[in-house]
């Protein structure tokens, strides 16, 4: 059930049964020579829609641009500043809290969003309290990273071992291949497994140490069939997580 495909009376009827909503959030950033720039948003949205169908939850619009300043030395990458992302989260939640929503479940596809989202939740609680919004003390936000699901991590280790890496990974590339089989990319990878281990302080550091955009990964191992396995595992685990959050 997608918010964008609902009418306001349908949302009002939904609120009489549930006060929870799922938001996919990702990023628009480079993912190496073969990874789609929209990978993080595509993965989050694909899984969020699956969870929404599984548990009959409302799914809000995907937040496609996140905190990805360290990727902006690569053409096509877009980033919000942390302060901008915090303001965006506040502006998303505020009118929905006024309408009666009080459980906000963010399915995240980008590691760079995590610290900012946690800060955004704290800022949002303070804002709602300052505005004296009815039921503000009942509002809860939860960050759920699909790539950190135990079942996903286990599957990635089984399929890829130490070639999974930490950026432009075969697991996330596989999920995009499953979601968009007409947009599977190929390009030579040199070296086959990307380097890893360098500390990153900004975009120039990232481009200097990880010249093709990958970190420790070999995305050539990805297949759409693997993507379906990751989808099934993540949807199952995150559906259970959402229900626990909603009822906890």
Protein backbone atom coordinates (compact mmCIF):
# COMPACT_ATOMS: atom_id res chain seq x y z
CA UNK A 1 0.00 0.00 0.00
CA UNK A 2 1.82 3.07 -1.28
CA UNK A 3 1.03 6.50 0.11
CA UNK A 4 1.39 8.08 -3.32
CA UNK A 5 -1.32 5.80 -4.71
CA UNK A 6 -3.81 6.49 -1.90
CA UNK A 7 -6.47 9.13 -1.43
CA UNK A 8 -6.73 11.03 1.84
CA UNK A 9 -9.92 9.13 2.87
CA UNK A 10 -8.00 5.88 2.38
CA UNK A 11 -5.21 7.14 4.62
CA UNK A 12 -7.78 8.21 7.21
CA UNK A 13 -9.29 4.73 7.13
CA UNK A 14 -5.82 3.17 7.44
CA UNK A 15 -5.12 5.25 10.56
CA UNK A 16 -8.15 3.75 12.24
CA UNK A 17 -6.38 0.38 12.01
CA UNK A 18 -2.67 1.26 12.23
CA UNK A 19 -0.49 4.25 13.05
CA UNK A 20 2.65 2.88 11.41
CA UNK A 21 4.33 3.90 8.17
CA UNK A 22 7.45 2.68 6.39
CA UNK A 23 9.88 5.04 4.67
CA UNK A 24 12.54 3.69 2.31
CA UNK A 25 15.68 5.84 2.37
CA UNK A 26 18.81 5.44 0.31
CA UNK A 27 21.24 7.54 -1.65
CA UNK A 28 22.12 8.70 -5.14
CA UNK A 29 25.81 7.91 -5.41
CA UNK A 30 28.38 6.02 -7.43
CA UNK A 31 28.60 2.26 -6.98
CA UNK A 32 31.64 1.42 -9.02
CA UNK A 33 31.80 0.72 -12.76
CA UNK A 34 28.90 -1.76 -12.75
CA UNK A 35 26.66 -0.58 -9.89
CA UNK A 36 23.72 1.71 -10.54
CA UNK A 37 23.95 5.19 -9.05
CA UNK A 38 20.52 4.65 -7.50
CA UNK A 39 21.50 1.33 -5.90
CA UNK A 40 20.91 2.29 -2.27
CA UNK A 41 17.50 3.84 -2.93
CA UNK A 42 16.47 0.99 -5.25
CA UNK A 43 17.37 -1.63 -2.65
CA UNK A 44 15.56 0.18 0.17
CA UNK A 45 12.45 0.80 -1.92
CA UNK A 46 12.28 -2.74 -3.29
CA UNK A 47 12.46 -4.26 0.19
CA UNK A 48 10.13 -1.67 1.75
CA UNK A 49 7.42 -2.42 -0.81
CA UNK A 50 7.85 -6.13 -0.12
CA UNK A 51 7.52 -5.56 3.62
CA UNK A 52 4.50 -3.32 3.08
CA UNK A 53 2.77 -6.06 1.09
CA UNK A 54 3.71 -8.70 3.66
CA UNK A 55 2.37 -6.85 6.71
CA UNK A 56 -0.25 -4.59 5.07
CA UNK A 57 1.65 -1.44 6.01
CA UNK A 58 1.59 1.95 4.34
CA UNK A 59 4.82 2.79 2.50
CA UNK A 60 5.78 6.44 2.09
CA UNK A 61 7.75 8.00 -0.77
CA UNK A 62 11.35 6.92 -1.12
CA UNK A 63 13.96 9.38 0.10
CA UNK A 64 16.36 8.98 -2.81
CA UNK A 65 19.14 11.37 -1.80
CA UNK A 66 21.03 10.89 1.46
CA UNK A 67 24.28 11.85 3.15
CA UNK A 68 26.92 10.88 0.58
CA UNK A 69 29.40 13.74 0.60
CA UNK A 70 32.30 11.27 0.45
CA UNK A 71 31.15 10.04 -2.97
CA UNK A 72 30.81 13.40 -4.68
CA UNK A 73 34.18 13.26 -6.47
CA UNK A 74 32.49 10.78 -8.84
CA UNK A 75 30.17 12.18 -11.56
CA UNK A 76 26.47 11.67 -10.89
CA UNK A 77 26.68 11.45 -7.10
CA UNK A 78 24.36 13.79 -5.16
CA UNK A 79 24.42 14.46 -1.43
CA UNK A 80 22.52 16.30 1.25
CA UNK A 81 24.41 17.90 4.12
CA UNK A 82 23.64 16.22 7.46
CA UNK A 83 21.75 19.33 8.61
CA UNK A 84 19.62 19.24 5.44
CA UNK A 85 18.77 15.57 5.91
CA UNK A 86 17.83 16.20 9.55
CA UNK A 87 15.50 19.03 8.47
CA UNK A 88 13.99 16.82 5.78
CA UNK A 89 13.20 14.03 8.25
CA UNK A 90 11.59 16.54 10.61
CA UNK A 91 9.46 17.94 7.78
CA UNK A 92 8.35 14.45 6.71
CA UNK A 93 7.35 13.36 10.19
CA UNK A 94 5.74 16.55 11.53
CA UNK A 95 2.54 16.61 9.39
CA UNK A 96 2.13 12.85 9.61
CA UNK A 97 2.39 12.97 13.41
CA UNK A 98 -0.28 15.67 13.42
CA UNK A 99 -2.47 13.34 11.35
CA UNK A 100 -2.07 10.53 13.88
CA UNK A 101 0.92 8.47 12.77
CA UNK A 102 3.24 7.53 15.62
CA UNK A 103 5.46 4.71 14.34
CA UNK A 104 8.00 5.62 11.64
CA UNK A 105 10.08 2.72 10.32
CA UNK A 106 12.95 3.76 8.06
CA UNK A 107 14.27 0.98 5.84
CA UNK A 108 17.74 2.22 4.96
CA UNK A 109 20.03 1.23 2.12
CA UNK A 110 23.04 3.47 2.77
CA UNK A 111 25.52 3.24 5.62
CA UNK A 112 26.35 6.93 5.33
CA UNK A 113 22.81 7.80 6.45
CA UNK A 114 22.96 6.03 9.77
CA UNK A 115 24.52 8.60 12.08
CA UNK A 116 22.49 11.45 10.60
CA UNK A 117 19.21 9.55 10.86
CA UNK A 118 19.79 8.77 14.53
CA UNK A 119 20.45 12.46 15.15
CA UNK A 120 17.36 13.36 13.10
CA UNK A 121 15.16 11.17 15.29
CA UNK A 122 16.35 12.93 18.45
CA UNK A 123 15.85 16.35 16.86
CA UNK A 124 12.36 15.33 15.71
CA UNK A 125 11.25 14.20 19.17
CA UNK A 126 12.38 17.56 20.56
CA UNK A 127 10.62 19.48 17.78
CA UNK A 128 7.30 17.66 18.24
CA UNK A 129 7.42 18.28 21.98
CA UNK A 130 8.20 21.98 21.47
CA UNK A 131 5.25 22.29 19.08
CA UNK A 132 2.91 20.62 21.59
CA UNK A 133 1.66 18.24 18.91
CA UNK A 134 -0.96 15.93 20.39
CA UNK A 135 0.50 12.48 21.01
CA UNK A 136 4.09 13.66 20.50
CA UNK A 137 5.26 11.54 23.41
CA UNK A 138 3.98 8.43 21.59
CA UNK A 139 6.00 9.03 18.41
CA UNK A 140 8.75 6.50 17.80
CA UNK A 141 11.25 6.24 14.94
CA UNK A 142 13.35 3.20 14.11
CA UNK A 143 16.28 2.75 11.75
CA UNK A 144 16.38 -0.62 9.99
CA UNK A 145 19.33 -1.31 7.67
CA UNK A 146 18.47 -4.08 5.23
CA UNK A 147 22.15 -4.90 4.61
CA UNK A 148 22.64 -5.54 8.34
CA UNK A 149 19.91 -8.17 8.62
CA UNK A 150 21.40 -11.34 10.08
CA UNK A 151 19.93 -13.45 7.26
CA UNK A 152 21.33 -11.10 4.60
CA UNK A 153 24.80 -11.03 6.18
CA UNK A 154 24.85 -14.82 6.45
CA UNK A 155 23.78 -15.27 2.84
CA UNK A 156 26.38 -12.78 1.59
CA UNK A 157 29.13 -14.64 3.43
CA UNK A 158 27.96 -17.94 1.98
CA UNK A 159 27.80 -16.63 -1.59
CA UNK A 160 30.77 -14.25 -1.70
CA UNK A 161 33.02 -14.82 1.29
CA UNK A 162 35.62 -12.09 1.66
CA UNK A 163 34.74 -10.67 -1.79
CA UNK A 164 31.54 -9.04 -0.46
CA UNK A 165 33.44 -5.91 0.63
CA UNK A 166 31.73 -2.82 2.00
CA UNK A 167 30.74 -0.66 -0.99
CA UNK A 168 29.46 -1.60 -4.44
CA UNK A 169 28.99 -5.04 -2.92
CA UNK A 170 27.76 -8.04 -4.92
CA UNK A 171 24.78 -8.37 -2.54
CA UNK A 172 23.42 -4.89 -3.26
CA UNK A 173 24.25 -5.14 -6.97
CA UNK A 174 22.43 -8.50 -7.08
CA UNK A 175 19.33 -6.95 -5.51
CA UNK A 176 19.27 -4.18 -8.13
CA UNK A 177 19.68 -6.80 -10.84
CA UNK A 178 16.63 -8.61 -9.48
CA UNK A 179 14.65 -5.36 -9.27
CA UNK A 180 15.78 -4.01 -12.66
CA UNK A 181 16.91 -6.92 -14.87
CA UNK A 182 16.91 -4.67 -17.95
CA UNK A 183 19.63 -2.49 -16.43
CA UNK A 184 22.38 -4.98 -15.62
CA UNK A 185 25.76 -3.42 -16.37
CA UNK A 186 29.13 -4.91 -17.24
CA UNK A 187 32.62 -3.43 -17.30
CA UNK A 188 36.17 -4.66 -16.68
CA UNK A 189 37.16 -4.61 -13.01
CA UNK A 190 40.82 -4.03 -12.19
CA UNK A 191 41.71 -5.43 -9.76
CA UNK A 192 38.92 -8.00 -9.63
CA UNK A 193 38.57 -7.50 -5.86
CA UNK A 194 38.82 -3.85 -4.88
CA UNK A 195 41.22 -2.62 -2.19
CA UNK A 196 40.00 -1.82 1.32
CA UNK A 197 41.18 -0.52 4.68
CA UNK A 198 41.84 3.16 3.98
CA UNK A 199 40.37 5.75 6.34
CA UNK A 200 38.17 8.22 4.49
CA UNK A 201 37.78 11.87 5.51
CA UNK A 202 36.17 13.29 2.39
CA UNK A 203 35.45 12.96 -1.31
CA UNK A 204 39.06 13.52 -2.42
CA UNK A 205 40.29 10.76 -0.08
CA UNK A 206 37.71 8.35 -1.39
CA UNK A 207 38.55 8.95 -5.05
CA UNK A 208 42.29 8.75 -4.30
CA UNK A 209 42.19 5.42 -2.48
CA UNK A 210 39.24 3.76 -4.27
CA UNK A 211 39.76 4.87 -7.82
CA UNK A 212 36.87 2.99 -9.43
CA UNK A 213 34.51 3.53 -6.46
CA UNK A 214 34.48 0.02 -4.98
CA UNK A 215 35.62 -0.90 -1.47
CA UNK A 216 36.87 -4.46 -1.03
CA UNK A 217 34.18 -5.88 -3.32
CA UNK A 218 33.80 -8.00 -6.44
CA UNK A 219 30.36 -7.18 -7.87
CA UNK A 220 30.98 -9.49 -10.85
CA UNK A 221 29.79 -12.27 -8.53
CA UNK A 222 26.26 -10.82 -8.43
CA UNK A 223 23.33 -12.44 -10.25
CA UNK A 224 19.59 -11.65 -10.35
CA UNK A 225 18.96 -15.06 -8.80
CA UNK A 226 21.10 -14.06 -5.82
CA UNK A 227 19.13 -10.83 -5.71
CA UNK A 228 15.89 -12.74 -5.28
CA UNK A 229 17.43 -14.64 -2.36
CA UNK A 230 18.50 -11.39 -0.69
CA UNK A 231 15.04 -9.92 -1.30
CA UNK A 232 13.25 -12.87 0.27
CA UNK A 233 15.58 -12.94 3.28
CA UNK A 234 15.37 -9.20 3.93
CA UNK A 235 11.60 -8.97 3.49
CA UNK A 236 11.01 -11.82 5.91
CA UNK A 237 13.35 -10.50 8.60
CA UNK A 238 12.29 -6.87 8.26
CA UNK A 239 8.59 -7.74 8.26
CA UNK A 240 9.10 -9.37 11.64
CA UNK A 241 11.10 -6.35 12.77
CA UNK A 242 8.40 -3.92 11.70
CA UNK A 243 5.66 -5.84 13.51
CA UNK A 244 7.73 -5.95 16.70
CA UNK A 245 8.34 -2.22 16.42
CA UNK A 246 4.67 -1.50 15.74
CA UNK A 247 3.43 -3.54 18.68
CA UNK A 248 6.29 -3.10 21.10
